[in-house]
């Protein structure tokens, strides 16, 4: 999922992460008002050329979240939203480097 309100990248599945390292526990607030802890971080490759750094692992989460603000800073890119999709573009060249589709108000990354 591509989430404009997330403050960090989060993965719910440790097996999709690379270069995993232990970290001091970080409390993660969930939408239902509860908290869980992230105790590891690592790298996640969305596809070749799109690497997300410092992704927190939250094993109780049943999805993966991408922080749009961190994505834009890490990849020097821009995200343009449309009613049914979004496009991730290199900020300088405007060449598309990824996309997402909207379902039920949430944008899901499309693995090209």
C-alpha atoms as a PDB file:
ATOM      1  CA  UNK A   1       0.000   0.000   0.000  1.00  0.00           C
ATOM      2  CA  UNK A   2       1.081   3.550  -0.703  1.00  0.00           C
ATOM      3  CA  UNK A   3       0.062   5.680   2.265  1.00  0.00           C
ATOM      4  CA  UNK A   4       0.407   9.443   2.300  1.00  0.00           C
ATOM      5  CA  UNK A   5      -0.131   9.608   6.078  1.00  0.00           C
ATOM      6  CA  UNK A   6       2.444   7.011   7.129  1.00  0.00           C
ATOM      7  CA  UNK A   7       5.575   8.424   8.764  1.00  0.00           C
ATOM      8  CA  UNK A   8       7.748   5.393   7.963  1.00  0.00           C
ATOM      9  CA  UNK A   9       7.873   2.378   5.660  1.00  0.00           C
ATOM     10  CA  UNK A  10       6.503  -0.733   7.382  1.00  0.00           C
ATOM     11  CA  UNK A  11       6.616  -4.390   6.365  1.00  0.00           C
ATOM     12  CA  UNK A  12       4.506  -7.048   8.014  1.00  0.00           C
ATOM     13  CA  UNK A  13       6.631  -9.928   6.730  1.00  0.00           C
ATOM     14  CA  UNK A  14      10.282 -10.260   7.714  1.00  0.00           C
ATOM     15  CA  UNK A  15      10.976 -12.681   4.832  1.00  0.00           C
ATOM     16  CA  UNK A  16      10.595  -9.895   2.246  1.00  0.00           C
ATOM     17  CA  UNK A  17      13.323  -7.834   3.889  1.00  0.00           C
ATOM     18  CA  UNK A  18      17.075  -7.765   3.221  1.00  0.00           C
ATOM     19  CA  UNK A  19      19.966  -6.709   5.486  1.00  0.00           C
ATOM     20  CA  UNK A  20      17.762  -7.009   8.572  1.00  0.00           C
ATOM     21  CA  UNK A  21      19.161  -5.618  11.795  1.00  0.00           C
ATOM     22  CA  UNK A  22      17.865  -5.388  15.356  1.00  0.00           C
ATOM     23  CA  UNK A  23      16.883  -1.937  16.596  1.00  0.00           C
ATOM     24  CA  UNK A  24      15.735  -0.436  19.871  1.00  0.00           C
ATOM     25  CA  UNK A  25      11.954  -1.035  20.051  1.00  0.00           C
ATOM     26  CA  UNK A  26       9.830   1.613  18.321  1.00  0.00           C
ATOM     27  CA  UNK A  27       6.124   1.952  19.187  1.00  0.00           C
ATOM     28  CA  UNK A  28       3.901   1.930  16.088  1.00  0.00           C
ATOM     29  CA  UNK A  29       0.382   3.339  16.413  1.00  0.00           C
ATOM     30  CA  UNK A  30      -2.275   1.376  14.531  1.00  0.00           C
ATOM     31  CA  UNK A  31      -5.514   2.727  13.090  1.00  0.00           C
ATOM     32  CA  UNK A  32      -7.602   0.912  15.707  1.00  0.00           C
ATOM     33  CA  UNK A  33      -5.918   2.953  18.469  1.00  0.00           C
ATOM     34  CA  UNK A  34      -3.613   0.185  19.693  1.00  0.00           C
ATOM     35  CA  UNK A  35       0.175   0.050  19.528  1.00  0.00           C
ATOM     36  CA  UNK A  36       2.643  -2.614  18.486  1.00  0.00           C
ATOM     37  CA  UNK A  37       6.422  -2.659  18.462  1.00  0.00           C
ATOM     38  CA  UNK A  38       8.961  -2.705  15.646  1.00  0.00           C
ATOM     39  CA  UNK A  39      12.189  -4.401  16.739  1.00  0.00           C
ATOM     40  CA  UNK A  40      13.932  -4.834  13.383  1.00  0.00           C
ATOM     41  CA  UNK A  41      14.557  -2.831  10.240  1.00  0.00           C
ATOM     42  CA  UNK A  42      15.937  -3.598   6.804  1.00  0.00           C
ATOM     43  CA  UNK A  43      15.769  -3.001   3.068  1.00  0.00           C
ATOM     44  CA  UNK A  44      12.886  -3.844   0.761  1.00  0.00           C
ATOM     45  CA  UNK A  45      13.074  -3.907  -3.012  1.00  0.00           C
ATOM     46  CA  UNK A  46       9.759  -3.050  -4.670  1.00  0.00           C
ATOM     47  CA  UNK A  47      11.368  -3.942  -7.973  1.00  0.00           C
ATOM     48  CA  UNK A  48      14.815  -3.585  -9.509  1.00  0.00           C
ATOM     49  CA  UNK A  49      15.932  -0.010  -8.986  1.00  0.00           C
ATOM     50  CA  UNK A  50      13.383   0.799  -6.284  1.00  0.00           C
ATOM     51  CA  UNK A  51      14.973   0.180  -2.895  1.00  0.00           C
ATOM     52  CA  UNK A  52      13.351   1.315   0.327  1.00  0.00           C
ATOM     53  CA  UNK A  53      15.758   1.897   3.224  1.00  0.00           C
ATOM     54  CA  UNK A  54      15.016   1.682   6.932  1.00  0.00           C
ATOM     55  CA  UNK A  55      11.798  -0.307   6.567  1.00  0.00           C
ATOM     56  CA  UNK A  56      10.465  -1.236   9.992  1.00  0.00           C
ATOM     57  CA  UNK A  57       9.262  -4.807  10.526  1.00  0.00           C
ATOM     58  CA  UNK A  58       5.934  -5.075  12.353  1.00  0.00           C
ATOM     59  CA  UNK A  59       5.076  -8.798  12.396  1.00  0.00           C
ATOM     60  CA  UNK A  60       1.484  -8.273  13.597  1.00  0.00           C
ATOM     61  CA  UNK A  61       0.681  -6.174  10.519  1.00  0.00           C
ATOM     62  CA  UNK A  62      -1.018  -8.068   7.675  1.00  0.00           C
ATOM     63  CA  UNK A  63       0.073  -5.607   4.988  1.00  0.00           C
ATOM     64  CA  UNK A  64       3.023  -3.435   3.960  1.00  0.00           C
ATOM     65  CA  UNK A  65       2.930   0.370   4.051  1.00  0.00           C
ATOM     66  CA  UNK A  66       5.026   2.820   2.038  1.00  0.00           C
ATOM     67  CA  UNK A  67       5.435   6.338   3.368  1.00  0.00           C
ATOM     68  CA  UNK A  68       5.027   8.673   0.383  1.00  0.00           C
ATOM     69  CA  UNK A  69       7.102  11.449   1.982  1.00  0.00           C
ATOM     70  CA  UNK A  70       9.983   9.034   2.670  1.00  0.00           C
ATOM     71  CA  UNK A  71       9.612   7.447  -0.797  1.00  0.00           C
ATOM     72  CA  UNK A  72       9.909  10.858  -2.464  1.00  0.00           C
ATOM     73  CA  UNK A  73      12.987  11.778  -0.402  1.00  0.00           C
ATOM     74  CA  UNK A  74      14.728   8.405  -0.793  1.00  0.00           C
ATOM     75  CA  UNK A  75      14.128   8.074  -4.545  1.00  0.00           C
ATOM     76  CA  UNK A  76      14.079  11.778  -5.484  1.00  0.00           C
ATOM     77  CA  UNK A  77      10.681  11.209  -7.059  1.00  0.00           C
ATOM     78  CA  UNK A  78       7.198  12.672  -7.245  1.00  0.00           C
ATOM     79  CA  UNK A  79       3.865  10.892  -6.878  1.00  0.00           C
ATOM     80  CA  UNK A  80       0.859  12.087  -8.852  1.00  0.00           C
ATOM     81  CA  UNK A  81      -2.576  10.827  -7.775  1.00  0.00           C
ATOM     82  CA  UNK A  82      -5.567  10.263 -10.027  1.00  0.00           C
ATOM     83  CA  UNK A  83      -9.039   8.997  -9.118  1.00  0.00           C
ATOM     84  CA  UNK A  84      -8.163   5.354  -9.890  1.00  0.00           C
ATOM     85  CA  UNK A  85      -4.358   5.263  -9.927  1.00  0.00           C
ATOM     86  CA  UNK A  86      -1.110   7.008  -9.071  1.00  0.00           C
ATOM     87  CA  UNK A  87       2.217   7.339 -10.853  1.00  0.00           C
ATOM     88  CA  UNK A  88       5.674   7.469  -9.277  1.00  0.00           C
ATOM     89  CA  UNK A  89       8.048   9.507 -11.459  1.00  0.00           C
ATOM     90  CA  UNK A  90      11.700  10.477 -11.280  1.00  0.00           C
ATOM     91  CA  UNK A  91      11.578  14.078 -10.089  1.00  0.00           C
ATOM     92  CA  UNK A  92      14.059  15.435 -12.636  1.00  0.00           C
ATOM     93  CA  UNK A  93      13.335  13.429 -15.799  1.00  0.00           C
ATOM     94  CA  UNK A  94       9.636  12.717 -15.067  1.00  0.00           C
ATOM     95  CA  UNK A  95      10.210   9.147 -16.288  1.00  0.00           C
ATOM     96  CA  UNK A  96       7.735   6.763 -14.589  1.00  0.00           C
ATOM     97  CA  UNK A  97       9.433   4.398 -12.154  1.00  0.00           C
ATOM     98  CA  UNK A  98       6.322   2.833 -10.599  1.00  0.00           C
ATOM     99  CA  UNK A  99       2.577   3.045 -10.277  1.00  0.00           C
ATOM    100  CA  UNK A 100      -0.329   2.162  -8.038  1.00  0.00           C
ATOM    101  CA  UNK A 101      -4.017   1.445  -8.366  1.00  0.00           C
ATOM    102  CA  UNK A 102      -6.771   2.748  -6.123  1.00  0.00           C
ATOM    103  CA  UNK A 103      -9.081   0.266  -4.413  1.00  0.00           C
ATOM    104  CA  UNK A 104     -11.563   1.296  -1.743  1.00  0.00           C
ATOM    105  CA  UNK A 105      -9.759   4.591  -1.142  1.00  0.00           C
ATOM    106  CA  UNK A 106      -6.280   3.049  -0.744  1.00  0.00           C
ATOM    107  CA  UNK A 107      -3.522   3.077  -3.368  1.00  0.00           C
ATOM    108  CA  UNK A 108      -1.786  -0.276  -3.905  1.00  0.00           C
ATOM    109  CA  UNK A 109       1.633  -0.486  -5.534  1.00  0.00           C
ATOM    110  CA  UNK A 110       1.506  -2.338  -8.856  1.00  0.00           C
ATOM    111  CA  UNK A 111       4.464  -4.624  -9.472  1.00  0.00           C
ATOM    112  CA  UNK A 112       5.211  -3.890 -13.129  1.00  0.00           C
END
